[in-house]
C-alpha cells in the first residue's frame, strides 16, 4: 500500500523560493544516490513481487471471448 506523507501531516512551513529549490535539489540528488547504492535490492524486491503476482494470477478460461 502506498501512503502519501503529505496527506496526513501538519502542513510544512513556508520556504523562500531559493530554499524550496535547494531542498528539492538535495532530495533529487539524495534519491539518485540512494537508487544507485541500492539498485540491486530495489530491483530484486520489485522482480520478486512481479513474479509472485504472475504466479497467483489465474489465466482466463480458453472459451472466454476476448471482448
Protein backbone atom coordinates (compact mmCIF):
# COMPACT_ATOMS: atom_id res chain seq x y z
CA UNK A 1 0.00 0.00 0.00
CA UNK A 2 1.34 3.41 -0.94
CA UNK A 3 0.88 6.20 1.53
CA UNK A 4 1.33 9.83 0.70
CA UNK A 5 3.17 11.52 3.58
CA UNK A 6 1.77 15.00 2.97
CA UNK A 7 -1.89 14.00 3.16
CA UNK A 8 -1.99 13.24 6.86
CA UNK A 9 0.70 15.52 8.27
CA UNK A 10 0.80 19.04 9.57
CA UNK A 11 1.41 21.43 6.66
CA UNK A 12 5.06 22.20 6.01
CA UNK A 13 6.40 25.63 6.91
CA UNK A 14 6.68 28.24 4.17
CA UNK A 15 10.03 28.47 2.38
CA UNK A 16 11.63 31.10 0.22
CA UNK A 17 11.90 30.29 -3.47
CA UNK A 18 15.63 29.67 -3.10
CA UNK A 19 15.19 27.41 -0.06
CA UNK A 20 12.48 25.37 -1.80
CA UNK A 21 14.74 24.82 -4.82
CA UNK A 22 17.71 23.95 -2.59
CA UNK A 23 15.68 21.35 -0.68
CA UNK A 24 14.28 19.91 -3.91
CA UNK A 25 17.74 19.61 -5.47
CA UNK A 26 19.06 17.93 -2.32
CA UNK A 27 16.19 15.42 -2.32
CA UNK A 28 16.64 14.66 -6.01
CA UNK A 29 20.39 14.10 -5.57
CA UNK A 30 19.79 12.02 -2.45
CA UNK A 31 17.27 9.87 -4.34
CA UNK A 32 19.71 9.36 -7.23
CA UNK A 33 22.46 8.32 -4.83
CA UNK A 34 20.12 6.04 -2.88
CA UNK A 35 18.87 4.32 -6.03
CA UNK A 36 22.43 3.93 -7.29
CA UNK A 37 23.62 2.45 -4.00
CA UNK A 38 20.65 0.09 -3.51
CA UNK A 39 19.74 -0.66 -7.12
CA UNK A 40 20.19 -4.42 -6.65
CA UNK A 41 17.97 -4.60 -3.58
CA UNK A 42 15.27 -2.40 -5.13
CA UNK A 43 15.32 -4.31 -8.42
CA UNK A 44 15.20 -7.68 -6.64
CA UNK A 45 12.24 -6.58 -4.49
CA UNK A 46 10.15 -5.49 -7.48
CA UNK A 47 11.20 -8.51 -9.55
CA UNK A 48 10.11 -10.91 -6.79
CA UNK A 49 6.78 -9.12 -6.43
CA UNK A 50 6.23 -9.19 -10.18
CA UNK A 51 6.92 -12.92 -10.38
CA UNK A 52 4.67 -13.61 -7.36
CA UNK A 53 1.84 -11.67 -8.99
CA UNK A 54 2.25 -13.57 -12.24
CA UNK A 55 2.15 -16.93 -10.44
CA UNK A 56 -1.03 -16.13 -8.50
CA UNK A 57 -2.96 -14.68 -11.43
CA UNK A 58 -5.33 -17.20 -12.98
CA UNK A 59 -5.49 -17.07 -16.78
CA UNK A 60 -8.95 -16.62 -18.29
CA UNK A 61 -10.71 -19.78 -19.47
CA UNK A 62 -9.90 -20.80 -23.04
CA UNK A 63 -13.57 -20.49 -24.07
CA UNK A 64 -13.85 -16.93 -22.70
CA UNK A 65 -14.22 -14.49 -25.64
CA UNK A 66 -11.74 -11.58 -25.64
CA UNK A 67 -14.47 -8.91 -25.92
